[in-house]
Amino acid sequence: MDNKEPQVEPEDSKKNDKKKKLLLLLLLLLLLLGGIYIGLNWNNWFGDRPTVNIDANAQNQRNKKKQKSSATEIPGFETMTMKANTTEQSVNLYNPKGNKVYFRLSIYLPNGKKVWQSEMIKPGKAIYKLKLNRALAAGTYENCTLRYDCYAMSKQLVQLNGSQMNFTLKVVE
């Protein structure tokens, strides 16, 4: 018969096992917290973000003073003059510096046909040159519409209230 005495683990071995278990527990806790953090921020990092197409033609406004106002300023025009028989036009359409929204501008003829639309225009930017969808014949076009679509400047591209104004378009030779 074998006479085996029960083995008693040394004190150091017990301490090492406790340290290993504690480190494993801390590692699991760290992984759990990291997973929660990633899960909470996933949409902010990789979620669907709208692509804001800023109008490449928009330039800094010339000679426009910033006015202090909490409301969105929408510039109006009684008349606008363009050249006949060409799509390339010189204009002065802008988003005032004090606004806190993007503008997307559109010009409509009296019959409701859209002849131009911008991309998003940041506050303090202006369109001085544009290209119409089609050339216009010389003449006076009463009751054209300049439409302002306003969008929040936030992570989500949210359309806000807009405005539209009637104006007279004078197309000259």
N, C-alpha and C. Protein backbone atom coordinates (compact mmCIF):
# COMPACT_ATOMS: atom_id res chain seq x y z
N MET A 1 0.80 -1.17 0.00
CA MET A 1 0.00 0.00 0.00
C MET A 1 0.85 1.24 0.00
N ASP A 2 0.34 2.14 -0.77
CA ASP A 2 1.04 3.41 -0.83
C ASP A 2 0.57 4.29 0.30
N ASN A 3 1.49 4.86 0.89
CA ASN A 3 1.15 5.76 1.96
C ASN A 3 1.46 7.18 1.49
N LYS A 4 0.42 7.79 0.93
CA LYS A 4 0.60 9.14 0.42
C LYS A 4 0.03 10.13 1.40
N GLU A 5 0.82 11.11 1.62
CA GLU A 5 0.34 12.17 2.48
C GLU A 5 -0.32 13.24 1.61
N PRO A 6 -1.38 13.81 2.09
CA PRO A 6 -2.01 14.86 1.30
C PRO A 6 -1.05 16.03 1.14
N GLN A 7 -1.06 16.54 -0.10
CA GLN A 7 -0.18 17.66 -0.43
C GLN A 7 -0.83 18.97 0.00
N VAL A 8 -0.09 19.77 0.61
CA VAL A 8 -0.55 21.08 1.04
C VAL A 8 0.13 22.10 0.14
N GLU A 9 -0.72 22.95 -0.46
CA GLU A 9 -0.15 23.95 -1.37
C GLU A 9 0.58 24.99 -0.55
N PRO A 10 1.70 25.41 -1.08
CA PRO A 10 2.42 26.46 -0.36
C PRO A 10 1.63 27.76 -0.37
N GLU A 11 1.95 28.60 0.55
CA GLU A 11 1.26 29.88 0.71
C GLU A 11 1.39 30.75 -0.53
N ASP A 12 2.54 30.74 -1.19
CA ASP A 12 2.77 31.55 -2.39
C ASP A 12 1.85 31.13 -3.53
N SER A 13 1.60 29.87 -3.66
CA SER A 13 0.75 29.36 -4.74
C SER A 13 -0.69 29.85 -4.56
N LYS A 14 -1.17 29.89 -3.34
CA LYS A 14 -2.52 30.38 -3.06
C LYS A 14 -2.62 31.87 -3.39
N LYS A 15 -1.61 32.62 -3.05
CA LYS A 15 -1.60 34.06 -3.34
C LYS A 15 -1.60 34.30 -4.85
N ASN A 16 -0.82 33.50 -5.56
CA ASN A 16 -0.76 33.65 -7.03
C ASN A 16 -2.10 33.34 -7.67
N ASP A 17 -2.78 32.31 -7.18
CA ASP A 17 -4.10 31.97 -7.72
C ASP A 17 -5.09 33.11 -7.46
N LYS A 18 -5.04 33.69 -6.28
CA LYS A 18 -5.93 34.81 -5.97
C LYS A 18 -5.64 36.02 -6.86
N LYS A 19 -4.35 36.27 -7.10
CA LYS A 19 -3.98 37.40 -7.97
C LYS A 19 -4.46 37.15 -9.40
N LYS A 20 -4.31 35.91 -9.87
CA LYS A 20 -4.75 35.57 -11.23
C LYS A 20 -6.26 35.74 -11.36
N LYS A 21 -6.99 35.27 -10.38
CA LYS A 21 -8.45 35.40 -10.41
C LYS A 21 -8.87 36.87 -10.37
N LEU A 22 -8.20 37.66 -9.55
CA LEU A 22 -8.51 39.08 -9.45
C LEU A 22 -8.20 39.80 -10.77
N LEU A 23 -7.06 39.50 -11.38
CA LEU A 23 -6.72 40.10 -12.67
C LEU A 23 -7.70 39.69 -13.75
N LEU A 24 -8.10 38.42 -13.75
CA LEU A 24 -9.08 37.95 -14.73
C LEU A 24 -10.41 38.67 -14.54
N LEU A 25 -10.83 38.83 -13.29
CA LEU A 25 -12.07 39.54 -12.99
C LEU A 25 -11.99 41.00 -13.44
N LEU A 26 -10.85 41.67 -13.17
CA LEU A 26 -10.67 43.05 -13.60
C LEU A 26 -10.68 43.17 -15.13
N LEU A 27 -10.05 42.21 -15.80
CA LEU A 27 -10.03 42.21 -17.26
C LEU A 27 -11.44 42.04 -17.83
N LEU A 28 -12.20 41.13 -17.25
CA LEU A 28 -13.59 40.93 -17.71
C LEU A 28 -14.43 42.19 -17.46
N LEU A 29 -14.23 42.81 -16.30
CA LEU A 29 -14.95 44.04 -15.99
C LEU A 29 -14.58 45.15 -16.97
N LEU A 30 -13.30 45.27 -17.29
CA LEU A 30 -12.83 46.27 -18.25
C LEU A 30 -13.43 46.02 -19.64
N LEU A 31 -13.45 44.77 -20.07
CA LEU A 31 -14.06 44.42 -21.36
C LEU A 31 -15.55 44.75 -21.38
N LEU A 32 -16.24 44.45 -20.28
CA LEU A 32 -17.66 44.75 -20.19
C LEU A 32 -17.91 46.25 -20.28
N LEU A 33 -17.15 47.04 -19.51
CA LEU A 33 -17.32 48.50 -19.56
C LEU A 33 -16.96 49.06 -20.93
N GLY A 34 -15.91 48.53 -21.54
CA GLY A 34 -15.53 48.96 -22.89
C GLY A 34 -16.63 48.65 -23.90
N GLY A 35 -17.24 47.49 -23.79
CA GLY A 35 -18.34 47.12 -24.68
C GLY A 35 -19.54 48.04 -24.51
N ILE A 36 -19.86 48.38 -23.28
CA ILE A 36 -20.97 49.30 -23.02
C ILE A 36 -20.66 50.67 -23.61
N TYR A 37 -19.44 51.15 -23.39
CA TYR A 37 -19.04 52.46 -23.94
C TYR A 37 -19.14 52.48 -25.47
N ILE A 38 -18.64 51.44 -26.10
CA ILE A 38 -18.71 51.36 -27.57
C ILE A 38 -20.16 51.29 -28.03
N GLY A 39 -20.95 50.50 -27.33
CA GLY A 39 -22.37 50.38 -27.71
C GLY A 39 -23.12 51.70 -27.61
N LEU A 40 -22.83 52.47 -26.57
CA LEU A 40 -23.51 53.76 -26.40
C LEU A 40 -23.08 54.79 -27.43
N ASN A 41 -21.85 54.69 -27.93
CA ASN A 41 -21.33 55.69 -28.87
C ASN A 41 -21.29 55.22 -30.33
N TRP A 42 -21.72 54.02 -30.60
CA TRP A 42 -21.62 53.46 -31.96
C TRP A 42 -22.28 54.36 -33.00
N ASN A 43 -23.51 54.80 -32.75
CA ASN A 43 -24.21 55.63 -33.74
C ASN A 43 -23.55 56.98 -33.93
N ASN A 44 -22.98 57.53 -32.87
CA ASN A 44 -22.27 58.80 -33.02
C ASN A 44 -21.04 58.65 -33.89
N TRP A 45 -20.38 57.51 -33.79
CA TRP A 45 -19.16 57.30 -34.56
C TRP A 45 -19.43 56.80 -35.96
N PHE A 46 -20.37 55.86 -36.11
CA PHE A 46 -20.56 55.18 -37.38
C PHE A 46 -21.99 55.23 -37.90
N GLY A 47 -22.87 55.92 -37.21
CA GLY A 47 -24.27 55.97 -37.61
C GLY A 47 -24.46 56.71 -38.93
N ASP A 48 -25.68 56.63 -39.44
CA ASP A 48 -26.00 57.33 -40.69
C ASP A 48 -25.98 58.82 -40.45
N ARG A 49 -25.03 59.47 -41.05
CA ARG A 49 -24.96 60.93 -40.96
C ARG A 49 -25.31 61.47 -42.33
N PRO A 50 -26.12 62.48 -42.35
CA PRO A 50 -26.46 63.04 -43.65
C PRO A 50 -25.24 63.71 -44.27
N THR A 51 -25.17 63.59 -45.56
CA THR A 51 -24.11 64.28 -46.27
C THR A 51 -24.64 65.66 -46.63
N VAL A 52 -24.01 66.67 -46.11
CA VAL A 52 -24.42 68.04 -46.40
C VAL A 52 -23.60 68.51 -47.59
N ASN A 53 -24.27 68.73 -48.69
CA ASN A 53 -23.60 69.21 -49.89
C ASN A 53 -23.53 70.73 -49.83
N ILE A 54 -22.41 71.23 -49.39
CA ILE A 54 -22.21 72.67 -49.32
C ILE A 54 -21.95 73.17 -50.73
N ASP A 55 -22.61 74.25 -51.10
CA ASP A 55 -22.48 74.79 -52.45
C ASP A 55 -21.05 75.28 -52.67
N ALA A 56 -20.40 74.71 -53.66
CA ALA A 56 -19.00 75.06 -53.96
C ALA A 56 -18.87 76.48 -54.49
N ASN A 57 -19.96 77.05 -55.01
CA ASN A 57 -19.92 78.41 -55.54
C ASN A 57 -20.09 79.47 -54.45
N ALA A 58 -20.45 79.06 -53.26
CA ALA A 58 -20.69 80.03 -52.18
C ALA A 58 -19.36 80.62 -51.72
N GLN A 59 -19.33 81.94 -51.65
CA GLN A 59 -18.14 82.68 -51.25
C GLN A 59 -18.47 83.50 -50.00
N ASN A 60 -17.45 84.03 -49.38
CA ASN A 60 -17.68 84.93 -48.25
C ASN A 60 -18.46 86.14 -48.73
N GLN A 61 -19.40 86.60 -47.91
CA GLN A 61 -20.19 87.76 -48.26
C GLN A 61 -19.32 89.00 -48.33
N ARG A 62 -19.65 89.86 -49.26
CA ARG A 62 -18.95 91.13 -49.39
C ARG A 62 -19.79 92.23 -48.77
N ASN A 63 -19.18 93.05 -47.95
CA ASN A 63 -19.81 94.26 -47.40
C ASN A 63 -21.12 93.98 -46.67
N LYS A 64 -21.22 92.89 -45.99
CA LYS A 64 -22.42 92.60 -45.21
C LYS A 64 -22.05 92.63 -43.74
N LYS A 65 -22.74 93.45 -42.97
CA LYS A 65 -22.48 93.56 -41.55
C LYS A 65 -23.32 92.54 -40.80
N LYS A 66 -22.72 91.93 -39.79
CA LYS A 66 -23.42 90.97 -38.97
C LYS A 66 -24.38 91.70 -38.04
N GLN A 67 -25.64 91.33 -38.12
CA GLN A 67 -26.63 91.94 -37.25
C GLN A 67 -26.99 90.95 -36.16
N LYS A 68 -27.21 91.45 -34.96
CA LYS A 68 -27.56 90.58 -33.86
C LYS A 68 -29.07 90.38 -33.84
N SER A 69 -29.45 89.12 -34.02
CA SER A 69 -30.87 88.79 -34.01
C SER A 69 -30.99 87.31 -33.69
N SER A 70 -32.01 86.95 -32.94
CA SER A 70 -32.21 85.54 -32.63
C SER A 70 -33.02 84.86 -33.73
N ALA A 71 -33.67 85.64 -34.57
CA ALA A 71 -34.48 85.09 -35.66
C ALA A 71 -33.62 84.88 -36.90
N THR A 72 -34.07 83.98 -37.76
CA THR A 72 -33.39 83.75 -39.03
C THR A 72 -33.74 84.88 -39.98
N GLU A 73 -32.72 85.52 -40.53
CA GLU A 73 -32.94 86.60 -41.49
C GLU A 73 -33.06 86.00 -42.89
N ILE A 74 -34.09 86.45 -43.61
CA ILE A 74 -34.30 86.00 -44.97
C ILE A 74 -34.31 87.23 -45.87
N PRO A 75 -33.26 87.40 -46.69
CA PRO A 75 -33.21 88.57 -47.56
C PRO A 75 -34.26 88.48 -48.67
N GLY A 76 -34.82 89.59 -49.00
CA GLY A 76 -35.81 89.64 -50.07
C GLY A 76 -35.35 90.52 -51.22
N PHE A 77 -35.94 90.33 -52.37
CA PHE A 77 -35.59 91.10 -53.56
C PHE A 77 -36.88 91.47 -54.28
N GLU A 78 -36.99 92.71 -54.71
CA GLU A 78 -38.14 93.11 -55.52
C GLU A 78 -37.91 92.77 -56.97
N THR A 79 -36.66 92.97 -57.41
CA THR A 79 -36.32 92.65 -58.80
C THR A 79 -34.95 91.98 -58.84
N MET A 80 -34.74 91.23 -59.89
CA MET A 80 -33.46 90.60 -60.15
C MET A 80 -33.23 90.72 -61.66
N THR A 81 -32.02 91.04 -62.05
CA THR A 81 -31.72 91.19 -63.47
C THR A 81 -30.74 90.10 -63.89
N MET A 82 -31.05 89.46 -65.04
CA MET A 82 -30.19 88.43 -65.60
C MET A 82 -30.00 88.68 -67.08
N LYS A 83 -29.01 88.00 -67.67
CA LYS A 83 -28.73 88.12 -69.09
C LYS A 83 -29.56 87.11 -69.88
N ALA A 84 -30.00 87.54 -71.07
CA ALA A 84 -30.79 86.67 -71.94
C ALA A 84 -29.88 85.68 -72.67
N ASN A 85 -30.45 84.54 -73.01
CA ASN A 85 -29.84 83.53 -73.89
C ASN A 85 -28.53 82.96 -73.36
N THR A 86 -28.33 82.93 -72.07
CA THR A 86 -27.17 82.30 -71.46
C THR A 86 -27.57 81.72 -70.11
N THR A 87 -26.92 80.64 -69.74
CA THR A 87 -27.22 80.04 -68.43
C THR A 87 -26.33 80.62 -67.33
N GLU A 88 -25.19 81.17 -67.70
CA GLU A 88 -24.27 81.76 -66.72
C GLU A 88 -24.80 83.13 -66.29
N GLN A 89 -25.00 83.30 -64.98
CA GLN A 89 -25.60 84.53 -64.48
C GLN A 89 -24.82 85.08 -63.28
N SER A 90 -24.85 86.39 -63.15
CA SER A 90 -24.27 87.07 -61.98
C SER A 90 -25.41 87.50 -61.07
N VAL A 91 -25.33 87.13 -59.80
CA VAL A 91 -26.39 87.44 -58.83
C VAL A 91 -25.75 87.81 -57.49
N ASN A 92 -26.58 88.09 -56.52
CA ASN A 92 -26.11 88.30 -55.15
C ASN A 92 -27.15 87.67 -54.22
N LEU A 93 -27.03 86.36 -54.03
CA LEU A 93 -27.93 85.62 -53.15
C LEU A 93 -27.10 85.14 -51.97
N TYR A 94 -27.55 85.39 -50.75
CA TYR A 94 -26.71 85.11 -49.59
C TYR A 94 -27.50 84.63 -48.39
N ASN A 95 -26.74 84.03 -47.47
CA ASN A 95 -27.24 83.63 -46.17
C ASN A 95 -26.57 84.56 -45.16
N PRO A 96 -27.33 85.45 -44.50
CA PRO A 96 -26.72 86.41 -43.58
C PRO A 96 -25.85 85.75 -42.51
N LYS A 97 -24.81 86.47 -42.12
CA LYS A 97 -23.82 85.96 -41.16
C LYS A 97 -24.42 85.56 -39.82
N GLY A 98 -25.42 86.25 -39.36
CA GLY A 98 -25.98 85.97 -38.04
C GLY A 98 -26.89 84.76 -37.98
N ASN A 99 -27.25 84.18 -39.12
CA ASN A 99 -28.15 83.02 -39.12
C ASN A 99 -27.46 81.80 -38.54
N LYS A 100 -28.27 80.89 -38.04
CA LYS A 100 -27.77 79.64 -37.48
C LYS A 100 -28.35 78.45 -38.25
N VAL A 101 -28.61 78.66 -39.55
CA VAL A 101 -29.18 77.62 -40.41
C VAL A 101 -28.48 77.63 -41.77
N TYR A 102 -28.56 76.48 -42.45
CA TYR A 102 -28.16 76.42 -43.85
C TYR A 102 -29.34 76.92 -44.68
N PHE A 103 -29.04 77.53 -45.81
CA PHE A 103 -30.07 77.87 -46.80
C PHE A 103 -29.86 76.99 -48.03
N ARG A 104 -30.95 76.56 -48.63
CA ARG A 104 -30.93 76.02 -49.99
C ARG A 104 -31.91 76.90 -50.76
N LEU A 105 -31.41 77.59 -51.77
CA LEU A 105 -32.22 78.55 -52.51
C LEU A 105 -32.65 77.96 -53.84
N SER A 106 -33.84 78.35 -54.28
CA SER A 106 -34.38 77.92 -55.57
C SER A 106 -35.07 79.10 -56.23
N ILE A 107 -34.95 79.17 -57.56
CA ILE A 107 -35.64 80.21 -58.33
C ILE A 107 -36.64 79.51 -59.25
N TYR A 108 -37.89 79.98 -59.18
CA TYR A 108 -38.97 79.44 -60.00
C TYR A 108 -39.54 80.52 -60.90
N LEU A 109 -39.86 80.15 -62.13
CA LEU A 109 -40.54 81.07 -63.04
C LEU A 109 -42.01 81.14 -62.67
N PRO A 110 -42.75 82.12 -63.22
CA PRO A 110 -44.18 82.25 -62.87
C PRO A 110 -44.99 80.98 -63.16
N ASN A 111 -44.57 80.19 -64.15
CA ASN A 111 -45.30 78.96 -64.47
C ASN A 111 -44.96 77.80 -63.54
N GLY A 112 -44.11 78.04 -62.53
CA GLY A 112 -43.76 77.02 -61.54
C GLY A 112 -42.54 76.19 -61.90
N LYS A 113 -41.91 76.44 -63.05
CA LYS A 113 -40.73 75.68 -63.45
C LYS A 113 -39.50 76.19 -62.68
N LYS A 114 -38.80 75.24 -62.08
CA LYS A 114 -37.58 75.59 -61.35
C LYS A 114 -36.45 75.78 -62.36
N VAL A 115 -35.78 76.95 -62.30
CA VAL A 115 -34.68 77.22 -63.22
C VAL A 115 -33.32 77.15 -62.54
N TRP A 116 -33.30 77.09 -61.22
CA TRP A 116 -32.03 76.98 -60.50
C TRP A 116 -32.28 76.57 -59.07
N GLN A 117 -31.31 75.79 -58.52
CA GLN A 117 -31.34 75.45 -57.10
C GLN A 117 -29.90 75.30 -56.63
N SER A 118 -29.64 75.85 -55.45
CA SER A 118 -28.30 75.76 -54.86
C SER A 118 -28.18 74.48 -54.05
N GLU A 119 -26.96 74.23 -53.61
CA GLU A 119 -26.72 73.25 -52.55
C GLU A 119 -26.83 74.05 -51.25
N MET A 120 -26.40 73.49 -50.14
CA MET A 120 -26.51 74.19 -48.86
C MET A 120 -25.53 75.37 -48.81
N ILE A 121 -26.03 76.49 -48.31
CA ILE A 121 -25.23 77.71 -48.18
C ILE A 121 -25.10 78.01 -46.69
N LYS A 122 -23.87 78.07 -46.22
CA LYS A 122 -23.60 78.36 -44.81
C LYS A 122 -23.87 79.84 -44.51
N PRO A 123 -24.14 80.17 -43.25
CA PRO A 123 -24.25 81.58 -42.88
C PRO A 123 -22.96 82.33 -43.22
N GLY A 124 -23.13 83.55 -43.72
CA GLY A 124 -21.98 84.37 -44.09
C GLY A 124 -21.44 84.08 -45.48
N LYS A 125 -22.10 83.20 -46.21
CA LYS A 125 -21.68 82.85 -47.57
C LYS A 125 -22.70 83.37 -48.57
N ALA A 126 -22.23 83.58 -49.81
CA ALA A 126 -23.10 84.14 -50.85
C ALA A 126 -22.82 83.47 -52.18
N ILE A 127 -23.81 83.48 -53.04
CA ILE A 127 -23.68 83.01 -54.42
C ILE A 127 -23.64 84.25 -55.30
N TYR A 128 -22.53 84.41 -56.02
CA TYR A 128 -22.38 85.55 -56.93
C TYR A 128 -22.46 85.12 -58.39
N LYS A 129 -22.20 83.85 -58.65
CA LYS A 129 -22.31 83.30 -60.00
C LYS A 129 -23.12 82.02 -59.91
N LEU A 130 -24.04 81.85 -60.85
CA LEU A 130 -24.82 80.62 -60.88
C LEU A 130 -25.07 80.21 -62.32
N LYS A 131 -25.51 78.97 -62.48
CA LYS A 131 -25.80 78.44 -63.80
C LYS A 131 -27.25 77.97 -63.80
N LEU A 132 -28.07 78.60 -64.63
CA LEU A 132 -29.48 78.23 -64.74
C LEU A 132 -29.62 76.87 -65.41
N ASN A 133 -30.75 76.21 -65.19
CA ASN A 133 -31.04 74.95 -65.86
C ASN A 133 -31.23 75.14 -67.36
N ARG A 134 -31.67 76.34 -67.74
CA ARG A 134 -31.87 76.65 -69.16
C ARG A 134 -31.76 78.17 -69.33
N ALA A 135 -31.37 78.57 -70.55
CA ALA A 135 -31.27 80.00 -70.86
C ALA A 135 -32.68 80.57 -70.96
N LEU A 136 -32.81 81.85 -70.62
CA LEU A 136 -34.11 82.52 -70.66
C LEU A 136 -34.12 83.55 -71.79
N ALA A 137 -35.27 83.71 -72.39
CA ALA A 137 -35.44 84.73 -73.42
C ALA A 137 -35.59 86.09 -72.76
N ALA A 138 -35.22 87.13 -73.47
CA ALA A 138 -35.34 88.50 -72.95
C ALA A 138 -36.80 88.79 -72.63
N GLY A 139 -37.00 89.56 -71.57
CA GLY A 139 -38.36 89.93 -71.19
C GLY A 139 -38.45 90.15 -69.69
N THR A 140 -39.64 90.51 -69.25
CA THR A 140 -39.91 90.73 -67.84
C THR A 140 -40.81 89.61 -67.36
N TYR A 141 -40.37 88.93 -66.34
CA TYR A 141 -41.12 87.81 -65.77
C TYR A 141 -41.64 88.23 -64.41
N GLU A 142 -42.93 88.56 -64.34
CA GLU A 142 -43.57 88.98 -63.08
C GLU A 142 -43.88 87.74 -62.24
N ASN A 143 -43.87 87.90 -60.94
CA ASN A 143 -44.24 86.85 -59.99
C ASN A 143 -43.37 85.60 -60.07
N CYS A 144 -42.07 85.79 -60.25
CA CYS A 144 -41.14 84.68 -60.06
C CYS A 144 -41.02 84.44 -58.56
N THR A 145 -40.52 83.29 -58.18
CA THR A 145 -40.42 82.96 -56.76
C THR A 145 -38.98 82.62 -56.40
N LEU A 146 -38.51 83.21 -55.32
CA LEU A 146 -37.23 82.85 -54.71
C LEU A 146 -37.60 82.10 -53.43
N ARG A 147 -37.25 80.82 -53.41
CA ARG A 147 -37.63 79.97 -52.28
C ARG A 147 -36.42 79.70 -51.39
N TYR A 148 -36.62 79.86 -50.09
CA TYR A 148 -35.60 79.60 -49.08
C TYR A 148 -36.01 78.36 -48.30
N ASP A 149 -35.23 77.30 -48.40
CA ASP A 149 -35.42 76.13 -47.54
C ASP A 149 -34.33 76.22 -46.48
N CYS A 150 -34.74 76.16 -45.22
CA CYS A 150 -33.80 76.30 -44.10
C CYS A 150 -33.58 74.93 -43.45
N TYR A 151 -32.32 74.66 -43.09
CA TYR A 151 -31.96 73.39 -42.46
C TYR A 151 -31.12 73.65 -41.22
N ALA A 152 -31.40 72.87 -40.17
CA ALA A 152 -30.64 72.99 -38.92
C ALA A 152 -29.19 72.61 -39.17
N MET A 153 -28.29 73.34 -38.52
CA MET A 153 -26.86 73.04 -38.61
C MET A 153 -26.50 72.12 -37.45
N SER A 154 -26.90 70.86 -37.55
CA SER A 154 -26.66 69.89 -36.49
C SER A 154 -26.24 68.58 -37.12
N LYS A 155 -26.06 67.55 -36.28
CA LYS A 155 -25.67 66.24 -36.81
C LYS A 155 -26.71 65.71 -37.78
N GLN A 156 -27.96 65.94 -37.48
CA GLN A 156 -29.03 65.50 -38.36
C GLN A 156 -29.47 66.67 -39.23
N LEU A 157 -29.53 66.46 -40.52
CA LEU A 157 -29.95 67.51 -41.43
C LEU A 157 -31.48 67.58 -41.39
N VAL A 158 -31.99 68.48 -40.56
CA VAL A 158 -33.43 68.59 -40.34
C VAL A 158 -33.93 69.85 -41.03
N GLN A 159 -34.95 69.67 -41.88
CA GLN A 159 -35.51 70.83 -42.56
C GLN A 159 -36.38 71.61 -41.58
N LEU A 160 -36.18 72.91 -41.59
CA LEU A 160 -36.95 73.82 -40.74
C LEU A 160 -37.93 74.59 -41.61
N ASN A 161 -38.58 75.57 -41.01
CA ASN A 161 -39.45 76.43 -41.80
C ASN A 161 -38.63 77.14 -42.86
N GLY A 162 -39.27 77.50 -43.93
CA GLY A 162 -38.61 78.24 -44.99
C GLY A 162 -39.46 79.44 -45.35
N SER A 163 -39.16 79.99 -46.50
CA SER A 163 -39.90 81.15 -46.95
C SER A 163 -39.83 81.21 -48.46
N GLN A 164 -40.76 81.88 -49.04
CA GLN A 164 -40.68 82.15 -50.47
C GLN A 164 -41.18 83.55 -50.73
N MET A 165 -40.49 84.20 -51.67
CA MET A 165 -40.82 85.60 -51.97
C MET A 165 -40.98 85.75 -53.47
N ASN A 166 -41.96 86.54 -53.82
CA ASN A 166 -42.14 86.84 -55.23
C ASN A 166 -41.30 88.03 -55.61
N PHE A 167 -40.81 88.02 -56.83
CA PHE A 167 -39.99 89.11 -57.36
C PHE A 167 -40.19 89.18 -58.86
N THR A 168 -39.73 90.27 -59.43
CA THR A 168 -39.78 90.44 -60.88
C THR A 168 -38.41 90.16 -61.44
N LEU A 169 -38.34 89.25 -62.41
CA LEU A 169 -37.11 88.91 -63.07
C LEU A 169 -37.03 89.66 -64.39
N LYS A 170 -36.02 90.48 -64.53
CA LYS A 170 -35.81 91.22 -65.76
C LYS A 170 -34.67 90.54 -66.51
N VAL A 171 -34.97 89.99 -67.68
CA VAL A 171 -33.96 89.33 -68.49
C VAL A 171 -33.66 90.26 -69.67
N VAL A 172 -32.41 90.70 -69.72
CA VAL A 172 -32.02 91.72 -70.72
C VAL A 172 -30.99 91.16 -71.69
N GLU A 173 -30.98 91.76 -72.88
CA GLU A 173 -30.02 91.36 -73.93
C GLU A 173 -28.62 91.74 -73.58
